[in-house]
C-alpha atoms as a PDB file:
ATOM      1  CA  UNK A   1     -13.943  38.213  17.935  1.00  0.00           C
ATOM      2  CA  UNK A   2     -15.759  34.782  17.954  1.00  0.00           C
ATOM      3  CA  UNK A   3     -13.986  31.773  19.448  1.00  0.00           C
ATOM      4  CA  UNK A   4     -12.800  29.135  17.120  1.00  0.00           C
ATOM      5  CA  UNK A   5     -13.559  25.546  17.504  1.00  0.00           C
ATOM      6  CA  UNK A   6     -11.540  22.950  15.746  1.00  0.00           C
ATOM      7  CA  UNK A   7     -11.442  19.262  15.513  1.00  0.00           C
ATOM      8  CA  UNK A   8      -7.997  17.533  15.534  1.00  0.00           C
ATOM      9  CA  UNK A   9      -7.539  14.078  14.425  1.00  0.00           C
ATOM     10  CA  UNK A  10      -4.822  11.587  15.290  1.00  0.00           C
ATOM     11  CA  UNK A  11      -2.005  11.646  12.882  1.00  0.00           C
ATOM     12  CA  UNK A  12      -2.425   8.057  12.053  1.00  0.00           C
ATOM     13  CA  UNK A  13      -5.918   6.624  11.598  1.00  0.00           C
ATOM     14  CA  UNK A  14      -6.905   3.376  13.170  1.00  0.00           C
ATOM     15  CA  UNK A  15      -5.925   0.309  11.038  1.00  0.00           C
ATOM     16  CA  UNK A  16      -8.842  -2.081  10.380  1.00  0.00           C
ATOM     17  CA  UNK A  17      -8.516  -5.726   9.701  1.00  0.00           C
ATOM     18  CA  UNK A  18      -9.393  -6.308   6.017  1.00  0.00           C
ATOM     19  CA  UNK A  19     -10.447  -9.706   4.299  1.00  0.00           C
ATOM     20  CA  UNK A  20      -7.342 -11.698   3.515  1.00  0.00           C
ATOM     21  CA  UNK A  21      -5.243  -9.917   6.142  1.00  0.00           C
ATOM     22  CA  UNK A  22      -3.221 -12.071   8.515  1.00  0.00           C
ATOM     23  CA  UNK A  23      -3.898 -11.028  12.145  1.00  0.00           C
ATOM     24  CA  UNK A  24      -2.536 -12.011  15.470  1.00  0.00           C
ATOM     25  CA  UNK A  25      -5.070 -12.604  18.206  1.00  0.00           C
ATOM     26  CA  UNK A  26      -5.404 -13.838  21.786  1.00  0.00           C
ATOM     27  CA  UNK A  27      -7.930 -16.622  22.546  1.00  0.00           C
ATOM     28  CA  UNK A  28     -10.555 -15.435  25.161  1.00  0.00           C
ATOM     29  CA  UNK A  29     -12.939 -18.334  25.297  1.00  0.00           C
ATOM     30  CA  UNK A  30     -13.695 -21.501  23.664  1.00  0.00           C
ATOM     31  CA  UNK A  31     -16.774 -23.792  23.344  1.00  0.00           C
ATOM     32  CA  UNK A  32     -17.530 -26.839  21.143  1.00  0.00           C
ATOM     33  CA  UNK A  33     -18.467 -24.739  18.117  1.00  0.00           C
ATOM     34  CA  UNK A  34     -15.934 -21.815  18.052  1.00  0.00           C
ATOM     35  CA  UNK A  35     -13.190 -19.917  19.678  1.00  0.00           C
ATOM     36  CA  UNK A  36     -13.650 -16.175  20.599  1.00  0.00           C
ATOM     37  CA  UNK A  37     -10.575 -14.073  20.092  1.00  0.00           C
ATOM     38  CA  UNK A  38      -9.304 -10.557  20.474  1.00  0.00           C
ATOM     39  CA  UNK A  39      -7.432  -9.174  17.523  1.00  0.00           C
ATOM     40  CA  UNK A  40      -4.133  -7.461  18.673  1.00  0.00           C
ATOM     41  CA  UNK A  41      -2.167  -7.105  15.358  1.00  0.00           C
ATOM     42  CA  UNK A  42      -2.839  -6.641  11.740  1.00  0.00           C
ATOM     43  CA  UNK A  43       0.209  -8.028   9.890  1.00  0.00           C
ATOM     44  CA  UNK A  44       2.942  -6.601  12.110  1.00  0.00           C
ATOM     45  CA  UNK A  45       1.030  -3.466  13.034  1.00  0.00           C
ATOM     46  CA  UNK A  46      -0.185  -3.314  16.667  1.00  0.00           C
ATOM     47  CA  UNK A  47      -3.827  -2.070  17.006  1.00  0.00           C
ATOM     48  CA  UNK A  48      -4.786   0.893  19.374  1.00  0.00           C
ATOM     49  CA  UNK A  49      -7.876  -0.982  20.354  1.00  0.00           C
ATOM     50  CA  UNK A  50      -8.756  -4.606  20.050  1.00  0.00           C
ATOM     51  CA  UNK A  51     -11.305  -6.052  17.760  1.00  0.00           C
ATOM     52  CA  UNK A  52     -13.380  -9.198  18.491  1.00  0.00           C
ATOM     53  CA  UNK A  53     -13.138 -12.212  16.185  1.00  0.00           C
ATOM     54  CA  UNK A  54     -14.582 -15.705  15.918  1.00  0.00           C
ATOM     55  CA  UNK A  55     -12.844 -18.889  14.658  1.00  0.00           C
ATOM     56  CA  UNK A  56     -15.538 -21.433  13.919  1.00  0.00           C
ATOM     57  CA  UNK A  57     -14.981 -25.103  14.231  1.00  0.00           C
ATOM     58  CA  UNK A  58     -15.060 -25.673  10.415  1.00  0.00           C
ATOM     59  CA  UNK A  59     -12.535 -22.838   9.745  1.00  0.00           C
ATOM     60  CA  UNK A  60      -9.821 -24.341  12.020  1.00  0.00           C
ATOM     61  CA  UNK A  61      -8.301 -26.880   9.632  1.00  0.00           C
ATOM     62  CA  UNK A  62      -8.361 -27.292   5.868  1.00  0.00           C
ATOM     63  CA  UNK A  63      -8.805 -31.062   5.958  1.00  0.00           C
ATOM     64  CA  UNK A  64     -11.071 -33.379   7.998  1.00  0.00           C
ATOM     65  CA  UNK A  65     -13.190 -30.428   9.272  1.00  0.00           C
ATOM     66  CA  UNK A  66     -15.855 -32.691  10.734  1.00  0.00           C
ATOM     67  CA  UNK A  67     -13.386 -34.305  13.016  1.00  0.00           C
ATOM     68  CA  UNK A  68     -11.992 -31.020  14.506  1.00  0.00           C
ATOM     69  CA  UNK A  69     -12.414 -30.435  18.217  1.00  0.00           C
ATOM     70  CA  UNK A  70     -11.984 -26.759  19.354  1.00  0.00           C
ATOM     71  CA  UNK A  71     -10.491 -27.642  22.681  1.00  0.00           C
ATOM     72  CA  UNK A  72      -7.822 -29.700  21.048  1.00  0.00           C
ATOM     73  CA  UNK A  73      -6.897 -26.856  18.806  1.00  0.00           C
ATOM     74  CA  UNK A  74      -6.869 -23.630  21.110  1.00  0.00           C
ATOM     75  CA  UNK A  75      -7.068 -22.848  24.806  1.00  0.00           C
ATOM     76  CA  UNK A  76      -7.785 -19.389  26.325  1.00  0.00           C
ATOM     77  CA  UNK A  77      -4.690 -17.373  26.473  1.00  0.00           C
ATOM     78  CA  UNK A  78      -3.144 -18.765  23.234  1.00  0.00           C
ATOM     79  CA  UNK A  79      -1.475 -16.382  20.741  1.00  0.00           C
ATOM     80  CA  UNK A  80      -2.893 -17.340  17.276  1.00  0.00           C
ATOM     81  CA  UNK A  81      -2.047 -16.399  13.696  1.00  0.00           C
ATOM     82  CA  UNK A  82      -5.378 -16.320  11.604  1.00  0.00           C
ATOM     83  CA  UNK A  83      -6.677 -14.903   8.359  1.00  0.00           C
ATOM     84  CA  UNK A  84      -9.634 -12.641   8.063  1.00  0.00           C
ATOM     85  CA  UNK A  85     -12.349 -14.324   6.018  1.00  0.00           C
ATOM     86  CA  UNK A  86     -15.115 -11.948   6.667  1.00  0.00           C
ATOM     87  CA  UNK A  87     -15.733  -8.518   8.159  1.00  0.00           C
ATOM     88  CA  UNK A  88     -17.712  -7.878  11.268  1.00  0.00           C
ATOM     89  CA  UNK A  89     -19.940  -5.003  11.911  1.00  0.00           C
ATOM     90  CA  UNK A  90     -20.934  -3.164  15.129  1.00  0.00           C
ATOM     91  CA  UNK A  91     -22.783  -6.192  16.580  1.00  0.00           C
ATOM     92  CA  UNK A  92     -20.784  -9.070  15.308  1.00  0.00           C
ATOM     93  CA  UNK A  93     -17.180 -10.238  15.137  1.00  0.00           C
ATOM     94  CA  UNK A  94     -14.697 -10.590  12.440  1.00  0.00           C
ATOM     95  CA  UNK A  95     -14.841 -14.242  11.048  1.00  0.00           C
ATOM     96  CA  UNK A  96     -11.317 -15.758  11.124  1.00  0.00           C
ATOM     97  CA  UNK A  97      -9.657 -18.930   9.765  1.00  0.00           C
ATOM     98  CA  UNK A  98      -6.507 -21.014  10.591  1.00  0.00           C
ATOM     99  CA  UNK A  99      -7.201 -23.430   7.769  1.00  0.00           C
ATOM    100  CA  UNK A 100      -3.601 -23.049   6.353  1.00  0.00           C
ATOM    101  CA  UNK A 101      -0.331 -24.697   7.531  1.00  0.00           C
ATOM    102  CA  UNK A 102       1.221 -21.204   8.336  1.00  0.00           C
ATOM    103  CA  UNK A 103      -1.763 -20.241  10.695  1.00  0.00           C
ATOM    104  CA  UNK A 104      -2.606 -21.495  14.203  1.00  0.00           C
ATOM    105  CA  UNK A 105      -1.106 -21.303  17.622  1.00  0.00           C
ATOM    106  CA  UNK A 106       2.240 -19.599  17.852  1.00  0.00           C
ATOM    107  CA  UNK A 107       2.457 -19.076  21.688  1.00  0.00           C
ATOM    108  CA  UNK A 108       0.907 -21.292  24.311  1.00  0.00           C
ATOM    109  CA  UNK A 109       1.550 -21.562  28.021  1.00  0.00           C
ATOM    110  CA  UNK A 110       1.344 -24.894  30.085  1.00  0.00           C
ATOM    111  CA  UNK A 111      -0.493 -25.461  33.253  1.00  0.00           C
ATOM    112  CA  UNK A 112       2.928 -24.717  34.850  1.00  0.00           C
ATOM    113  CA  UNK A 113       2.935 -21.249  33.219  1.00  0.00           C
ATOM    114  CA  UNK A 114       5.853 -22.175  30.901  1.00  0.00           C
ATOM    115  CA  UNK A 115       5.897 -21.342  27.239  1.00  0.00           C
ATOM    116  CA  UNK A 116       5.258 -24.496  25.332  1.00  0.00           C
ATOM    117  CA  UNK A 117       7.343 -25.768  22.428  1.00  0.00           C
ATOM    118  CA  UNK A 118       5.662 -27.290  19.226  1.00  0.00           C
ATOM    119  CA  UNK A 119       6.602 -30.926  18.655  1.00  0.00           C
ATOM    120  CA  UNK A 120       4.350 -31.567  15.705  1.00  0.00           C
ATOM    121  CA  UNK A 121       1.503 -29.862  13.872  1.00  0.00           C
ATOM    122  CA  UNK A 122      -1.069 -30.895  16.468  1.00  0.00           C
ATOM    123  CA  UNK A 123       0.883 -31.048  19.637  1.00  0.00           C
ATOM    124  CA  UNK A 124       2.902 -28.734  21.910  1.00  0.00           C
ATOM    125  CA  UNK A 125       5.012 -29.793  25.038  1.00  0.00           C
ATOM    126  CA  UNK A 126       5.873 -28.032  28.195  1.00  0.00           C
ATOM    127  CA  UNK A 127       9.723 -27.974  28.433  1.00  0.00           C
ATOM    128  CA  UNK A 128       9.469 -28.163  32.180  1.00  0.00           C
ATOM    129  CA  UNK A 129       6.954 -30.831  32.981  1.00  0.00           C
ATOM    130  CA  UNK A 130       7.097 -32.565  29.734  1.00  0.00           C
ATOM    131  CA  UNK A 131       3.272 -32.804  29.485  1.00  0.00           C
ATOM    132  CA  UNK A 132       1.807 -32.667  25.854  1.00  0.00           C
ATOM    133  CA  UNK A 133      -1.197 -30.682  24.869  1.00  0.00           C
ATOM    134  CA  UNK A 134      -3.203 -30.788  21.594  1.00  0.00           C
ATOM    135  CA  UNK A 135      -3.103 -27.516  19.677  1.00  0.00           C
ATOM    136  CA  UNK A 136      -3.490 -26.458  15.924  1.00  0.00           C
ATOM    137  CA  UNK A 137       0.232 -25.448  15.652  1.00  0.00           C
ATOM    138  CA  UNK A 138       1.179 -22.757  13.072  1.00  0.00           C
ATOM    139  CA  UNK A 139       4.289 -23.422  10.877  1.00  0.00           C
ATOM    140  CA  UNK A 140       5.582 -19.824  11.363  1.00  0.00           C
ATOM    141  CA  UNK A 141       6.952 -18.104   8.306  1.00  0.00           C
ATOM    142  CA  UNK A 142      10.072 -16.019   9.028  1.00  0.00           C
ATOM    143  CA  UNK A 143       8.416 -12.682   8.114  1.00  0.00           C
ATOM    144  CA  UNK A 144       5.991 -13.285  10.909  1.00  0.00           C
ATOM    145  CA  UNK A 145       8.494 -13.871  13.600  1.00  0.00           C
ATOM    146  CA  UNK A 146       8.847 -11.048  16.091  1.00  0.00           C
ATOM    147  CA  UNK A 147      10.229 -10.896  19.735  1.00  0.00           C
END
C-alpha cells in the first residue's frame, strides 16, 4: 500500500485581465509621467489577487494628449475604470488607458474624506466643503454601476 499524493485545484481559476477588457482599479501613486494602479475587478468580476497596472500620461485622454497633467486627472485612492491596452509580464505592469468618455475616475474622496460628486468631465466637487478638484471623470454607463 503506497500513499497517494494528489493535487487539488480551485474550482474557479484566476481570471486574468485581457486586452480590451474594462477593469476597475485603485490609484496607488502618481508622478508627472504616469499613474500606478492596482487592478481590482475585470468587468464585474472581483479578482482574488490584485494586478499592477500603469496609466501613462498620453493614455489618459483621447484629445490634447500633450496638455494632460497626471495630477489633474487622478489622485492616490481614486477608483478608476480603464481599458487594458497591453498585457504585462512577471516584471512589468498591465498598460491601461482611460482615453474614452466612459473611462476615468468613478469614485474620489475629498480632503475631508467625503465622496466627491462629478460636476463636469474634468472636475469633481466635495458636497461638504464645496471645494473643486480636477479629475478625468468617467461618464459611467449603467451596466458598470454597482453598489
